[in-house]
């Protein structure tokens, strides 16, 4: 039960964050090379759209309010 509540809180928090910023853009390093002592690197840009934030928010809310199954 505690893990489910923690996961729901994380999903809700991330969903609200993504929606508040109308999507999140971040970069990751891709490749590095060295030519004649100079280092060059490339990065890749990633975008998390607001729709993903809305889905995370809705999933967190559903997960928070769904009753646990009893066997």
C-alpha atoms as a PDB file:
ATOM      1  CA  UNK A   1       0.000   0.000   0.000  1.00  0.00           C
ATOM      2  CA  UNK A   2       2.801   2.417   0.862  1.00  0.00           C
ATOM      3  CA  UNK A   3       4.584   1.797  -2.452  1.00  0.00           C
ATOM      4  CA  UNK A   4       1.359   2.443  -4.359  1.00  0.00           C
ATOM      5  CA  UNK A   5       0.851   5.774  -2.593  1.00  0.00           C
ATOM      6  CA  UNK A   6       4.459   6.783  -3.231  1.00  0.00           C
ATOM      7  CA  UNK A   7       4.191   5.908  -6.926  1.00  0.00           C
ATOM      8  CA  UNK A   8       0.914   7.845  -7.178  1.00  0.00           C
ATOM      9  CA  UNK A   9       2.519  10.900  -5.548  1.00  0.00           C
ATOM     10  CA  UNK A  10       5.503  10.759  -7.918  1.00  0.00           C
ATOM     11  CA  UNK A  11       3.238  10.458 -10.978  1.00  0.00           C
ATOM     12  CA  UNK A  12       1.062  13.350  -9.805  1.00  0.00           C
ATOM     13  CA  UNK A  13       4.095  15.526  -9.065  1.00  0.00           C
ATOM     14  CA  UNK A  14       5.739  14.844 -12.414  1.00  0.00           C
ATOM     15  CA  UNK A  15       2.454  15.338 -14.247  1.00  0.00           C
ATOM     16  CA  UNK A  16       1.877  18.713 -12.615  1.00  0.00           C
ATOM     17  CA  UNK A  17       5.486  19.762 -13.321  1.00  0.00           C
ATOM     18  CA  UNK A  18       5.262  18.880 -17.020  1.00  0.00           C
ATOM     19  CA  UNK A  19       1.898  20.612 -17.378  1.00  0.00           C
ATOM     20  CA  UNK A  20       3.095  23.720 -15.507  1.00  0.00           C
ATOM     21  CA  UNK A  21       5.992  24.179 -17.931  1.00  0.00           C
ATOM     22  CA  UNK A  22       3.949  23.232 -21.034  1.00  0.00           C
ATOM     23  CA  UNK A  23       6.335  20.383 -21.683  1.00  0.00           C
ATOM     24  CA  UNK A  24       9.934  19.848 -20.646  1.00  0.00           C
ATOM     25  CA  UNK A  25      12.979  19.924 -22.913  1.00  0.00           C
ATOM     26  CA  UNK A  26      16.285  18.385 -21.864  1.00  0.00           C
ATOM     27  CA  UNK A  27      19.504  17.331 -23.563  1.00  0.00           C
ATOM     28  CA  UNK A  28      21.718  14.284 -23.186  1.00  0.00           C
ATOM     29  CA  UNK A  29      25.278  13.841 -24.405  1.00  0.00           C
ATOM     30  CA  UNK A  30      25.495  11.578 -27.420  1.00  0.00           C
ATOM     31  CA  UNK A  31      29.006  11.158 -28.760  1.00  0.00           C
ATOM     32  CA  UNK A  32      32.428  12.597 -28.099  1.00  0.00           C
ATOM     33  CA  UNK A  33      35.421  12.710 -30.418  1.00  0.00           C
ATOM     34  CA  UNK A  34      38.863  14.226 -30.359  1.00  0.00           C
ATOM     35  CA  UNK A  35      40.567  15.610 -33.463  1.00  0.00           C
ATOM     36  CA  UNK A  36      44.044  17.148 -33.245  1.00  0.00           C
ATOM     37  CA  UNK A  37      43.685  17.662 -29.499  1.00  0.00           C
ATOM     38  CA  UNK A  38      40.287  19.387 -29.772  1.00  0.00           C
ATOM     39  CA  UNK A  39      37.293  17.690 -28.250  1.00  0.00           C
ATOM     40  CA  UNK A  40      33.943  17.792 -29.998  1.00  0.00           C
ATOM     41  CA  UNK A  41      30.694  16.488 -28.660  1.00  0.00           C
ATOM     42  CA  UNK A  42      27.127  16.188 -29.796  1.00  0.00           C
ATOM     43  CA  UNK A  43      23.974  16.317 -27.754  1.00  0.00           C
ATOM     44  CA  UNK A  44      20.490  15.064 -28.396  1.00  0.00           C
ATOM     45  CA  UNK A  45      17.474  17.144 -27.413  1.00  0.00           C
ATOM     46  CA  UNK A  46      14.454  15.374 -25.928  1.00  0.00           C
ATOM     47  CA  UNK A  47      10.978  16.807 -25.352  1.00  0.00           C
ATOM     48  CA  UNK A  48       8.327  15.538 -22.939  1.00  0.00           C
ATOM     49  CA  UNK A  49       5.000  16.836 -24.285  1.00  0.00           C
ATOM     50  CA  UNK A  50       2.195  18.159 -22.074  1.00  0.00           C
ATOM     51  CA  UNK A  51       0.054  15.170 -23.081  1.00  0.00           C
ATOM     52  CA  UNK A  52       2.507  12.878 -21.277  1.00  0.00           C
ATOM     53  CA  UNK A  53       2.151  15.093 -18.194  1.00  0.00           C
ATOM     54  CA  UNK A  54      -1.628  14.868 -18.368  1.00  0.00           C
ATOM     55  CA  UNK A  55      -1.463  11.074 -18.667  1.00  0.00           C
ATOM     56  CA  UNK A  56       0.944  10.844 -15.703  1.00  0.00           C
ATOM     57  CA  UNK A  57      -1.307  13.108 -13.619  1.00  0.00           C
ATOM     58  CA  UNK A  58      -4.434  11.126 -14.446  1.00  0.00           C
ATOM     59  CA  UNK A  59      -2.667   7.814 -13.794  1.00  0.00           C
ATOM     60  CA  UNK A  60      -1.448   9.034 -10.415  1.00  0.00           C
ATOM     61  CA  UNK A  61      -4.916  10.183  -9.394  1.00  0.00           C
ATOM     62  CA  UNK A  62      -6.480   6.878 -10.471  1.00  0.00           C
ATOM     63  CA  UNK A  63      -3.759   4.912  -8.673  1.00  0.00           C
ATOM     64  CA  UNK A  64      -4.294   6.967  -5.524  1.00  0.00           C
ATOM     65  CA  UNK A  65      -8.043   6.386  -5.357  1.00  0.00           C
ATOM     66  CA  UNK A  66      -8.346   2.795  -6.575  1.00  0.00           C
ATOM     67  CA  UNK A  67      -9.179   0.499  -3.682  1.00  0.00           C
ATOM     68  CA  UNK A  68      -6.759  -2.363  -3.074  1.00  0.00           C
ATOM     69  CA  UNK A  69      -7.947  -5.845  -3.966  1.00  0.00           C
ATOM     70  CA  UNK A  70      -8.654  -8.231  -1.087  1.00  0.00           C
ATOM     71  CA  UNK A  71      -8.408 -11.973  -1.704  1.00  0.00           C
END
